[in-house]
Amino acid sequence: MGTTKTEIFTEEQNKLALMLKAMAHPARIAILQHIISANACICGDLVEELGLAQATISQHLKELKNAGLIQGTIEGVSICYCIEPTAWAMLNKELSNFFRAYNNPKTCC
């Protein structure tokens, strides 16, 4: 499979694809849902909550952070994560626009 020619797409398309790719794993969806439901920064209780190994959760958190969906701060020996509000607002706007663009034509195959 060839490499993706990201330069032929808009910045918004590339950013949206990166975020959606990062979200495309059930563990990452669960992590995001847990952070959102807590409505606060999460500091290390994800292992007990999700039942995954610490190394696995760390890798998923890294992917979400690299995509800009979460942000983290170091507090002592632990790292606390929360939703990155600007990225989340952008994701919400882009996906809303994307889904609103389809008007369900009755003449489609």
PDB file of N, CA and C in Angstrom:
ATOM      1  N   MET A   1       0.842  -1.171   0.000  1.00  0.00           N
ATOM      2  CA  MET A   1       0.000   0.000   0.000  1.00  0.00           C
ATOM      3  C   MET A   1       0.886   1.234   0.000  1.00  0.00           C
ATOM      4  N   GLY A   2       0.562   2.201  -0.824  1.00  0.00           N
ATOM      5  CA  GLY A   2       1.365   3.405  -0.957  1.00  0.00           C
ATOM      6  C   GLY A   2       1.168   4.373   0.183  1.00  0.00           C
ATOM      7  N   THR A   3       2.009   5.384   0.218  1.00  0.00           N
ATOM      8  CA  THR A   3       1.881   6.400   1.242  1.00  0.00           C
ATOM      9  C   THR A   3       0.769   7.365   0.875  1.00  0.00           C
ATOM     10  N   THR A   4       0.163   7.953   1.865  1.00  0.00           N
ATOM     11  CA  THR A   4      -0.903   8.919   1.652  1.00  0.00           C
ATOM     12  C   THR A   4      -0.298  10.245   1.231  1.00  0.00           C
ATOM     13  N   LYS A   5      -0.857  10.834   0.207  1.00  0.00           N
ATOM     14  CA  LYS A   5      -0.382  12.137  -0.273  1.00  0.00           C
ATOM     15  C   LYS A   5      -1.127  13.237   0.490  1.00  0.00           C
ATOM     16  N   THR A   6      -0.738  13.442   1.724  1.00  0.00           N
ATOM     17  CA  THR A   6      -1.454  14.381   2.580  1.00  0.00           C
ATOM     18  C   THR A   6      -1.412  15.810   2.051  1.00  0.00           C
ATOM     19  N   GLU A   7      -0.410  16.123   1.254  1.00  0.00           N
ATOM     20  CA  GLU A   7      -0.289  17.501   0.759  1.00  0.00           C
ATOM     21  C   GLU A   7      -1.401  17.878  -0.217  1.00  0.00           C
ATOM     22  N   ILE A   8      -2.122  16.908  -0.770  1.00  0.00           N
ATOM     23  CA  ILE A   8      -3.196  17.241  -1.711  1.00  0.00           C
ATOM     24  C   ILE A   8      -4.528  17.498  -1.004  1.00  0.00           C
ATOM     25  N   PHE A   9      -4.530  17.325   0.321  1.00  0.00           N
ATOM     26  CA  PHE A   9      -5.744  17.550   1.096  1.00  0.00           C
ATOM     27  C   PHE A   9      -5.607  18.817   1.927  1.00  0.00           C
ATOM     28  N   THR A  10      -6.751  19.364   2.354  1.00  0.00           N
ATOM     29  CA  THR A  10      -6.715  20.582   3.154  1.00  0.00           C
ATOM     30  C   THR A  10      -6.177  20.279   4.551  1.00  0.00           C
ATOM     31  N   GLU A  11      -5.764  21.317   5.224  1.00  0.00           N
ATOM     32  CA  GLU A  11      -5.280  21.170   6.595  1.00  0.00           C
ATOM     33  C   GLU A  11      -6.377  20.594   7.484  1.00  0.00           C
ATOM     34  N   GLU A  12      -7.618  21.048   7.269  1.00  0.00           N
ATOM     35  CA  GLU A  12      -8.747  20.552   8.062  1.00  0.00           C
ATOM     36  C   GLU A  12      -8.986  19.065   7.810  1.00  0.00           C
ATOM     37  N   GLN A  13      -8.898  18.643   6.543  1.00  0.00           N
ATOM     38  CA  GLN A  13      -9.096  17.225   6.218  1.00  0.00           C
ATOM     39  C   GLN A  13      -8.016  16.365   6.863  1.00  0.00           C
ATOM     40  N   ASN A  14      -6.781  16.811   6.800  1.00  0.00           N
ATOM     41  CA  ASN A  14      -5.679  16.066   7.409  1.00  0.00           C
ATOM     42  C   ASN A  14      -5.816  15.998   8.928  1.00  0.00           C
ATOM     43  N   LYS A  15      -6.181  17.111   9.544  1.00  0.00           N
ATOM     44  CA  LYS A  15      -6.329  17.153  10.995  1.00  0.00           C
ATOM     45  C   LYS A  15      -7.483  16.261  11.445  1.00  0.00           C
ATOM     46  N   LEU A  16      -8.605  16.329  10.730  1.00  0.00           N
ATOM     47  CA  LEU A  16      -9.757  15.496  11.059  1.00  0.00           C
ATOM     48  C   LEU A  16      -9.416  14.015  10.918  1.00  0.00           C
ATOM     49  N   ALA A  17      -8.724  13.654   9.852  1.00  0.00           N
ATOM     50  CA  ALA A  17      -8.324  12.264   9.639  1.00  0.00           C
ATOM     51  C   ALA A  17      -7.405  11.783  10.757  1.00  0.00           C
ATOM     52  N   LEU A  18      -6.475  12.618  11.185  1.00  0.00           N
ATOM     53  CA  LEU A  18      -5.564  12.252  12.267  1.00  0.00           C
ATOM     54  C   LEU A  18      -6.330  11.997  13.562  1.00  0.00           C
ATOM     55  N   MET A  19      -7.280  12.876  13.862  1.00  0.00           N
ATOM     56  CA  MET A  19      -8.070  12.719  15.083  1.00  0.00           C
ATOM     57  C   MET A  19      -8.940  11.469  15.023  1.00  0.00           C
ATOM     58  N   LEU A  20      -9.588  11.257  13.887  1.00  0.00           N
ATOM     59  CA  LEU A  20     -10.449  10.083  13.760  1.00  0.00           C
ATOM     60  C   LEU A  20      -9.651   8.787  13.791  1.00  0.00           C
ATOM     61  N   LYS A  21      -8.470   8.803  13.215  1.00  0.00           N
ATOM     62  CA  LYS A  21      -7.605   7.618  13.262  1.00  0.00           C
ATOM     63  C   LYS A  21      -7.228   7.316  14.707  1.00  0.00           C
ATOM     64  N   ALA A  22      -6.925   8.351  15.472  1.00  0.00           N
ATOM     65  CA  ALA A  22      -6.575   8.156  16.878  1.00  0.00           C
ATOM     66  C   ALA A  22      -7.756   7.622  17.678  1.00  0.00           C
ATOM     67  N   MET A  23      -8.952   7.999  17.300  1.00  0.00           N
ATOM     68  CA  MET A  23     -10.142   7.549  18.018  1.00  0.00           C
ATOM     69  C   MET A  23     -10.601   6.156  17.583  1.00  0.00           C
ATOM     70  N   ALA A  24     -10.051   5.625  16.525  1.00  0.00           N
ATOM     71  CA  ALA A  24     -10.538   4.389  15.913  1.00  0.00           C
ATOM     72  C   ALA A  24     -10.077   3.128  16.640  1.00  0.00           C
ATOM     73  N   HIS A  25     -10.218   3.113  17.931  1.00  0.00           N
ATOM     74  CA  HIS A  25      -9.910   1.930  18.725  1.00  0.00           C
ATOM     75  C   HIS A  25     -10.850   1.953  19.934  1.00  0.00           C
ATOM     76  N   PRO A  26     -11.468   0.827  20.262  1.00  0.00           N
ATOM     77  CA  PRO A  26     -12.432   0.837  21.369  1.00  0.00           C
ATOM     78  C   PRO A  26     -11.832   1.269  22.709  1.00  0.00           C
ATOM     79  N   ALA A  27     -10.572   0.945  22.962  1.00  0.00           N
ATOM     80  CA  ALA A  27      -9.951   1.369  24.221  1.00  0.00           C
ATOM     81  C   ALA A  27      -9.830   2.893  24.269  1.00  0.00           C
ATOM     82  N   ARG A  28      -9.531   3.497  23.139  1.00  0.00           N
ATOM     83  CA  ARG A  28      -9.391   4.961  23.114  1.00  0.00           C
ATOM     84  C   ARG A  28     -10.740   5.637  23.264  1.00  0.00           C
ATOM     85  N   ILE A  29     -11.767   5.051  22.667  1.00  0.00           N
ATOM     86  CA  ILE A  29     -13.126   5.575  22.864  1.00  0.00           C
ATOM     87  C   ILE A  29     -13.478   5.481  24.345  1.00  0.00           C
ATOM     88  N   ALA A  30     -13.180   4.345  24.977  1.00  0.00           N
ATOM     89  CA  ALA A  30     -13.462   4.163  26.404  1.00  0.00           C
ATOM     90  C   ALA A  30     -12.699   5.176  27.250  1.00  0.00           C
ATOM     91  N   ILE A  31     -11.441   5.425  26.907  1.00  0.00           N
ATOM     92  CA  ILE A  31     -10.646   6.420  27.638  1.00  0.00           C
ATOM     93  C   ILE A  31     -11.280   7.796  27.515  1.00  0.00           C
ATOM     94  N   LEU A  32     -11.631   8.186  26.299  1.00  0.00           N
ATOM     95  CA  LEU A  32     -12.259   9.490  26.088  1.00  0.00           C
ATOM     96  C   LEU A  32     -13.588   9.587  26.836  1.00  0.00           C
ATOM     97  N   GLN A  33     -14.394   8.533  26.780  1.00  0.00           N
ATOM     98  CA  GLN A  33     -15.671   8.543  27.484  1.00  0.00           C
ATOM     99  C   GLN A  33     -15.466   8.680  28.991  1.00  0.00           C
ATOM    100  N   HIS A  34     -14.452   8.011  29.517  1.00  0.00           N
ATOM    101  CA  HIS A  34     -14.170   8.101  30.947  1.00  0.00           C
ATOM    102  C   HIS A  34     -13.733   9.518  31.332  1.00  0.00           C
ATOM    103  N   ILE A  35     -12.871  10.104  30.543  1.00  0.00           N
ATOM    104  CA  ILE A  35     -12.416  11.468  30.823  1.00  0.00           C
ATOM    105  C   ILE A  35     -13.591  12.444  30.748  1.00  0.00           C
ATOM    106  N   ILE A  36     -14.421  12.279  29.726  1.00  0.00           N
ATOM    107  CA  ILE A  36     -15.574  13.171  29.558  1.00  0.00           C
ATOM    108  C   ILE A  36     -16.558  13.009  30.711  1.00  0.00           C
ATOM    109  N   SER A  37     -16.858  11.760  31.082  1.00  0.00           N
ATOM    110  CA  SER A  37     -17.831  11.542  32.157  1.00  0.00           C
ATOM    111  C   SER A  37     -17.316  12.046  33.501  1.00  0.00           C
ATOM    112  N   ALA A  38     -16.011  11.995  33.706  1.00  0.00           N
ATOM    113  CA  ALA A  38     -15.423  12.500  34.951  1.00  0.00           C
ATOM    114  C   ALA A  38     -15.502  14.018  35.011  1.00  0.00           C
ATOM    115  N   ASN A  39     -15.534  14.659  33.832  1.00  0.00           N
ATOM    116  CA  ASN A  39     -15.579  16.118  33.738  1.00  0.00           C
ATOM    117  C   ASN A  39     -14.452  16.751  34.557  1.00  0.00           C
ATOM    118  N   ALA A  40     -13.303  16.090  34.535  1.00  0.00           N
ATOM    119  CA  ALA A  40     -12.132  16.565  35.272  1.00  0.00           C
ATOM    120  C   ALA A  40     -10.910  15.864  34.705  1.00  0.00           C
ATOM    121  N   CYS A  41      -9.752  16.247  35.172  1.00  0.00           N
ATOM    122  CA  CYS A  41      -8.535  15.556  34.768  1.00  0.00           C
ATOM    123  C   CYS A  41      -8.492  14.177  35.407  1.00  0.00           C
ATOM    124  N   ILE A  42      -8.007  13.213  34.645  1.00  0.00           N
ATOM    125  CA  ILE A  42      -7.888  11.835  35.108  1.00  0.00           C
ATOM    126  C   ILE A  42      -6.417  11.579  35.412  1.00  0.00           C
ATOM    127  N   CYS A  43      -6.141  11.092  36.615  1.00  0.00           N
ATOM    128  CA  CYS A  43      -4.762  10.852  37.036  1.00  0.00           C
ATOM    129  C   CYS A  43      -4.564   9.402  37.443  1.00  0.00           C
ATOM    130  N   GLY A  44      -4.352   8.534  36.470  1.00  0.00           N
ATOM    131  CA  GLY A  44      -3.894   7.189  36.763  1.00  0.00           C
ATOM    132  C   GLY A  44      -4.902   6.135  37.158  1.00  0.00           C
ATOM    133  N   ASP A  45      -6.195   6.412  37.234  1.00  0.00           N
ATOM    134  CA  ASP A  45      -7.135   5.367  37.622  1.00  0.00           C
ATOM    135  C   ASP A  45      -7.703   4.609  36.428  1.00  0.00           C
ATOM    136  N   LEU A  46      -7.148   4.806  35.253  1.00  0.00           N
ATOM    137  CA  LEU A  46      -7.660   4.148  34.050  1.00  0.00           C
ATOM    138  C   LEU A  46      -7.385   2.647  34.030  1.00  0.00           C
ATOM    139  N   VAL A  47      -6.325   2.195  34.675  1.00  0.00           N
ATOM    140  CA  VAL A  47      -6.007   0.767  34.697  1.00  0.00           C
ATOM    141  C   VAL A  47      -7.142   0.005  35.373  1.00  0.00           C
ATOM    142  N   GLU A  48      -7.553   0.470  36.528  1.00  0.00           N
ATOM    143  CA  GLU A  48      -8.654  -0.175  37.250  1.00  0.00           C
ATOM    144  C   GLU A  48      -9.969  -0.018  36.502  1.00  0.00           C
ATOM    145  N   GLU A  49     -10.192   1.131  35.938  1.00  0.00           N
ATOM    146  CA  GLU A  49     -11.454   1.422  35.253  1.00  0.00           C
ATOM    147  C   GLU A  49     -11.631   0.575  33.989  1.00  0.00           C
ATOM    148  N   LEU A  50     -10.569   0.426  33.193  1.00  0.00           N
ATOM    149  CA  LEU A  50     -10.682  -0.241  31.900  1.00  0.00           C
ATOM    150  C   LEU A  50     -10.227  -1.692  31.906  1.00  0.00           C
ATOM    151  N   GLY A  51      -9.462  -2.085  32.901  1.00  0.00           N
ATOM    152  CA  GLY A  51      -8.990  -3.462  32.964  1.00  0.00           C
ATOM    153  C   GLY A  51      -7.902  -3.793  31.967  1.00  0.00           C
ATOM    154  N   LEU A  52      -7.178  -2.784  31.528  1.00  0.00           N
ATOM    155  CA  LEU A  52      -6.059  -2.986  30.602  1.00  0.00           C
ATOM    156  C   LEU A  52      -4.749  -2.759  31.347  1.00  0.00           C
ATOM    157  N   ALA A  53      -3.672  -3.290  30.807  1.00  0.00           N
ATOM    158  CA  ALA A  53      -2.355  -3.093  31.412  1.00  0.00           C
ATOM    159  C   ALA A  53      -1.939  -1.626  31.328  1.00  0.00           C
ATOM    160  N   GLN A  54      -1.139  -1.199  32.291  1.00  0.00           N
ATOM    161  CA  GLN A  54      -0.666   0.189  32.319  1.00  0.00           C
ATOM    162  C   GLN A  54       0.057   0.558  31.033  1.00  0.00           C
ATOM    163  N   ALA A  55       0.888  -0.351  30.520  1.00  0.00           N
ATOM    164  CA  ALA A  55       1.629  -0.062  29.283  1.00  0.00           C
ATOM    165  C   ALA A  55       0.681   0.132  28.106  1.00  0.00           C
ATOM    166  N   THR A  56      -0.378  -0.643  28.064  1.00  0.00           N
ATOM    167  CA  THR A  56      -1.369  -0.527  26.986  1.00  0.00           C
ATOM    168  C   THR A  56      -2.088   0.814  27.073  1.00  0.00           C
ATOM    169  N   ILE A  57      -2.515   1.172  28.264  1.00  0.00           N
ATOM    170  CA  ILE A  57      -3.199   2.452  28.448  1.00  0.00           C
ATOM    171  C   ILE A  57      -2.264   3.606  28.128  1.00  0.00           C
ATOM    172  N   SER A  58      -1.024   3.513  28.529  1.00  0.00           N
ATOM    173  CA  SER A  58      -0.048   4.568  28.227  1.00  0.00           C
ATOM    174  C   SER A  58       0.097   4.759  26.721  1.00  0.00           C
ATOM    175  N   GLN A  59       0.132   3.664  25.977  1.00  0.00           N
ATOM    176  CA  GLN A  59       0.247   3.759  24.521  1.00  0.00           C
ATOM    177  C   GLN A  59      -0.993   4.425  23.918  1.00  0.00           C
ATOM    178  N   HIS A  60      -2.169   4.063  24.403  1.00  0.00           N
ATOM    179  CA  HIS A  60      -3.397   4.674  23.901  1.00  0.00           C
ATOM    180  C   HIS A  60      -3.449   6.170  24.254  1.00  0.00           C
ATOM    181  N   LEU A  61      -3.044   6.515  25.459  1.00  0.00           N
ATOM    182  CA  LEU A  61      -3.002   7.928  25.856  1.00  0.00           C
ATOM    183  C   LEU A  61      -2.028   8.707  24.974  1.00  0.00           C
ATOM    184  N   LYS A  62      -0.907   8.091  24.653  1.00  0.00           N
ATOM    185  CA  LYS A  62       0.087   8.734  23.782  1.00  0.00           C
ATOM    186  C   LYS A  62      -0.522   9.036  22.409  1.00  0.00           C
ATOM    187  N   GLU A  63      -1.240   8.069  21.846  1.00  0.00           N
ATOM    188  CA  GLU A  63      -1.875   8.274  20.539  1.00  0.00           C
ATOM    189  C   GLU A  63      -2.905   9.397  20.591  1.00  0.00           C
ATOM    190  N   LEU A  64      -3.717   9.419  21.633  1.00  0.00           N
ATOM    191  CA  LEU A  64      -4.728  10.474  21.777  1.00  0.00           C
ATOM    192  C   LEU A  64      -4.073  11.845  21.967  1.00  0.00           C
ATOM    193  N   LYS A  65      -2.990  11.872  22.723  1.00  0.00           N
ATOM    194  CA  LYS A  65      -2.282  13.141  22.944  1.00  0.00           C
ATOM    195  C   LYS A  65      -1.597  13.608  21.665  1.00  0.00           C
ATOM    196  N   ASN A  66      -0.964  12.690  20.924  1.00  0.00           N
ATOM    197  CA  ASN A  66      -0.303  13.053  19.668  1.00  0.00           C
ATOM    198  C   ASN A  66      -1.303  13.601  18.643  1.00  0.00           C
ATOM    199  N   ALA A  67      -2.531  13.117  18.698  1.00  0.00           N
ATOM    200  CA  ALA A  67      -3.570  13.610  17.790  1.00  0.00           C
ATOM    201  C   ALA A  67      -4.162  14.925  18.282  1.00  0.00           C
ATOM    202  N   GLY A  68      -3.778  15.346  19.484  1.00  0.00           N
ATOM    203  CA  GLY A  68      -4.256  16.619  20.018  1.00  0.00           C
ATOM    204  C   GLY A  68      -5.603  16.544  20.711  1.00  0.00           C
ATOM    205  N   LEU A  69      -6.141  15.344  20.916  1.00  0.00           N
ATOM    206  CA  LEU A  69      -7.466  15.209  21.519  1.00  0.00           C
ATOM    207  C   LEU A  69      -7.463  15.372  23.029  1.00  0.00           C
ATOM    208  N   ILE A  70      -6.337  15.052  23.658  1.00  0.00           N
ATOM    209  CA  ILE A  70      -6.217  15.227  25.103  1.00  0.00           C
ATOM    210  C   ILE A  70      -4.939  16.000  25.394  1.00  0.00           C
ATOM    211  N   GLN A  71      -4.888  16.524  26.591  1.00  0.00           N
ATOM    212  CA  GLN A  71      -3.679  17.204  27.044  1.00  0.00           C
ATOM    213  C   GLN A  71      -3.332  16.652  28.417  1.00  0.00           C
ATOM    214  N   GLY A  72      -2.065  16.727  28.766  1.00  0.00           N
ATOM    215  CA  GLY A  72      -1.628  16.168  30.037  1.00  0.00           C
ATOM    216  C   GLY A  72      -0.714  17.103  30.790  1.00  0.00           C
ATOM    217  N   THR A  73      -0.771  16.979  32.098  1.00  0.00           N
ATOM    218  CA  THR A  73       0.133  17.736  32.959  1.00  0.00           C
ATOM    219  C   THR A  73       0.769  16.771  33.942  1.00  0.00           C
ATOM    220  N   ILE A  74       1.997  17.027  34.311  1.00  0.00           N
ATOM    221  CA  ILE A  74       2.714  16.174  35.242  1.00  0.00           C
ATOM    222  C   ILE A  74       2.491  16.706  36.652  1.00  0.00           C
ATOM    223  N   GLU A  75       2.020  15.820  37.522  1.00  0.00           N
ATOM    224  CA  GLU A  75       1.826  16.161  38.937  1.00  0.00           C
ATOM    225  C   GLU A  75       2.566  15.122  39.764  1.00  0.00           C
ATOM    226  N   GLY A  76       3.735  15.471  40.220  1.00  0.00           N
ATOM    227  CA  GLY A  76       4.560  14.517  40.949  1.00  0.00           C
ATOM    228  C   GLY A  76       5.013  13.406  40.024  1.00  0.00           C
ATOM    229  N   VAL A  77       4.680  12.154  40.393  1.00  0.00           N
ATOM    230  CA  VAL A  77       5.061  11.024  39.562  1.00  0.00           C
ATOM    231  C   VAL A  77       3.958  10.608  38.597  1.00  0.00           C
ATOM    232  N   SER A  78       2.798  11.245  38.687  1.00  0.00           N
ATOM    233  CA  SER A  78       1.699  10.857  37.800  1.00  0.00           C
ATOM    234  C   SER A  78       1.434  11.940  36.753  1.00  0.00           C
ATOM    235  N   ILE A  79       0.816  11.500  35.668  1.00  0.00           N
ATOM    236  CA  ILE A  79       0.424  12.422  34.606  1.00  0.00           C
ATOM    237  C   ILE A  79      -1.095  12.450  34.563  1.00  0.00           C
ATOM    238  N   CYS A  80      -1.650  13.637  34.561  1.00  0.00           N
ATOM    239  CA  CYS A  80      -3.099  13.807  34.533  1.00  0.00           C
ATOM    240  C   CYS A  80      -3.521  14.235  33.132  1.00  0.00           C
ATOM    241  N   TYR A  81      -4.601  13.629  32.651  1.00  0.00           N
ATOM    242  CA  TYR A  81      -5.087  13.912  31.308  1.00  0.00           C
ATOM    243  C   TYR A  81      -6.494  14.473  31.344  1.00  0.00           C
ATOM    244  N   CYS A  82      -6.761  15.374  30.396  1.00  0.00           N
ATOM    245  CA  CYS A  82      -8.108  15.900  30.204  1.00  0.00           C
ATOM    246  C   CYS A  82      -8.307  16.181  28.714  1.00  0.00           C
ATOM    247  N   ILE A  83      -9.543  16.437  28.342  1.00  0.00           N
ATOM    248  CA  ILE A  83      -9.869  16.761  26.959  1.00  0.00           C
ATOM    249  C   ILE A  83      -9.211  18.084  26.591  1.00  0.00           C
ATOM    250  N   GLU A  84      -8.671  18.169  25.398  1.00  0.00           N
ATOM    251  CA  GLU A  84      -8.107  19.432  24.898  1.00  0.00           C
ATOM    252  C   GLU A  84      -9.274  20.188  24.260  1.00  0.00           C
ATOM    253  N   PRO A  85      -9.762  21.242  24.899  1.00  0.00           N
ATOM    254  CA  PRO A  85     -11.014  21.882  24.476  1.00  0.00           C
ATOM    255  C   PRO A  85     -11.010  22.468  23.069  1.00  0.00           C
ATOM    256  N   THR A  86      -9.914  23.041  22.631  1.00  0.00           N
ATOM    257  CA  THR A  86      -9.870  23.630  21.293  1.00  0.00           C
ATOM    258  C   THR A  86      -9.969  22.545  20.225  1.00  0.00           C
ATOM    259  N   ALA A  87      -9.233  21.469  20.400  1.00  0.00           N
ATOM    260  CA  ALA A  87      -9.280  20.360  19.443  1.00  0.00           C
ATOM    261  C   ALA A  87     -10.655  19.707  19.452  1.00  0.00           C
ATOM    262  N   TRP A  88     -11.243  19.565  20.641  1.00  0.00           N
ATOM    263  CA  TRP A  88     -12.561  18.939  20.746  1.00  0.00           C
ATOM    264  C   TRP A  88     -13.621  19.786  20.050  1.00  0.00           C
ATOM    265  N   ALA A  89     -13.529  21.097  20.193  1.00  0.00           N
ATOM    266  CA  ALA A  89     -14.475  22.003  19.514  1.00  0.00           C
ATOM    267  C   ALA A  89     -14.304  21.916  17.998  1.00  0.00           C
ATOM    268  N   MET A  90     -13.057  21.838  17.531  1.00  0.00           N
ATOM    269  CA  MET A  90     -12.793  21.710  16.098  1.00  0.00           C
ATOM    270  C   MET A  90     -13.356  20.402  15.563  1.00  0.00           C
ATOM    271  N   LEU A  91     -13.136  19.315  16.305  1.00  0.00           N
ATOM    272  CA  LEU A  91     -13.654  18.008  15.908  1.00  0.00           C
ATOM    273  C   LEU A  91     -15.180  18.032  15.845  1.00  0.00           C
ATOM    274  N   ASN A  92     -15.800  18.615  16.832  1.00  0.00           N
ATOM    275  CA  ASN A  92     -17.255  18.739  16.868  1.00  0.00           C
ATOM    276  C   ASN A  92     -17.768  19.518  15.656  1.00  0.00           C
ATOM    277  N   LYS A  93     -17.144  20.651  15.371  1.00  0.00           N
ATOM    278  CA  LYS A  93     -17.563  21.493  14.250  1.00  0.00           C
ATOM    279  C   LYS A  93     -17.390  20.772  12.916  1.00  0.00           C
ATOM    280  N   GLU A  94     -16.223  20.178  12.697  1.00  0.00           N
ATOM    281  CA  GLU A  94     -15.937  19.512  11.425  1.00  0.00           C
ATOM    282  C   GLU A  94     -16.849  18.308  11.193  1.00  0.00           C
ATOM    283  N   LEU A  95     -17.066  17.518  12.235  1.00  0.00           N
ATOM    284  CA  LEU A  95     -17.950  16.358  12.079  1.00  0.00           C
ATOM    285  C   LEU A  95     -19.400  16.786  11.889  1.00  0.00           C
ATOM    286  N   SER A  96     -19.822  17.819  12.593  1.00  0.00           N
ATOM    287  CA  SER A  96     -21.187  18.331  12.412  1.00  0.00           C
ATOM    288  C   SER A  96     -21.388  18.799  10.979  1.00  0.00           C
ATOM    289  N   ASN A  97     -20.441  19.556  10.452  1.00  0.00           N
ATOM    290  CA  ASN A  97     -20.521  20.022   9.066  1.00  0.00           C
ATOM    291  C   ASN A  97     -20.521  18.846   8.091  1.00  0.00           C
ATOM    292  N   PHE A  98     -19.684  17.862   8.360  1.00  0.00           N
ATOM    293  CA  PHE A  98     -19.570  16.684   7.513  1.00  0.00           C
ATOM    294  C   PHE A  98     -20.908  15.938   7.443  1.00  0.00           C
ATOM    295  N   PHE A  99     -21.526  15.693   8.589  1.00  0.00           N
ATOM    296  CA  PHE A  99     -22.790  14.956   8.612  1.00  0.00           C
ATOM    297  C   PHE A  99     -23.962  15.786   8.091  1.00  0.00           C
ATOM    298  N   ARG A 100     -23.942  17.094   8.325  1.00  0.00           N
ATOM    299  CA  ARG A 100     -25.010  17.963   7.811  1.00  0.00           C
ATOM    300  C   ARG A 100     -24.973  18.083   6.294  1.00  0.00           C
ATOM    301  N   ALA A 101     -23.817  17.873   5.680  1.00  0.00           N
ATOM    302  CA  ALA A 101     -23.677  18.027   4.230  1.00  0.00           C
ATOM    303  C   ALA A 101     -24.484  16.979   3.457  1.00  0.00           C
ATOM    304  N   TYR A 102     -24.766  15.854   4.066  1.00  0.00           N
ATOM    305  CA  TYR A 102     -25.523  14.803   3.390  1.00  0.00           C
ATOM    306  C   TYR A 102     -27.015  15.062   3.568  1.00  0.00           C
ATOM    307  N   ASN A 103     -27.739  15.106   2.434  1.00  0.00           N
ATOM    308  CA  ASN A 103     -29.166  15.427   2.539  1.00  0.00           C
ATOM    309  C   ASN A 103     -30.076  14.269   2.122  1.00  0.00           C
ATOM    310  N   ASN A 104     -29.556  13.055   2.019  1.00  0.00           N
ATOM    311  CA  ASN A 104     -30.321  11.851   1.739  1.00  0.00           C
ATOM    312  C   ASN A 104     -31.202  11.976   0.488  1.00  0.00           C
ATOM    313  N   PRO A 105     -30.579  12.045  -0.670  1.00  0.00           N
ATOM    314  CA  PRO A 105     -31.381  12.156  -1.912  1.00  0.00           C
ATOM    315  C   PRO A 105     -32.180  10.865  -2.147  1.00  0.00           C
ATOM    316  N   LYS A 106     -33.398  11.012  -2.638  1.00  0.00           N
ATOM    317  CA  LYS A 106     -34.254   9.852  -2.867  1.00  0.00           C
ATOM    318  C   LYS A 106     -33.926   9.142  -4.188  1.00  0.00           C
ATOM    319  N   THR A 107     -33.068   9.737  -5.021  1.00  0.00           N
ATOM    320  CA  THR A 107     -32.743   9.173  -6.316  1.00  0.00           C
ATOM    321  C   THR A 107     -31.437   8.392  -6.324  1.00  0.00           C
ATOM    322  N   CYS A 108     -30.904   8.115  -5.161  1.00  0.00           N
ATOM    323  CA  CYS A 108     -29.629   7.391  -5.077  1.00  0.00           C
ATOM    324  C   CYS A 108     -29.872   5.896  -5.313  1.00  0.00           C
ATOM    325  N   CYS A 109     -28.805   5.194  -5.710  1.00  0.00           N
ATOM    326  CA  CYS A 109     -28.921   3.744  -5.957  1.00  0.00           C
ATOM    327  C   CYS A 109     -29.400   3.047  -4.724  1.00  0.00           C
TER     328      CYS A 109
END
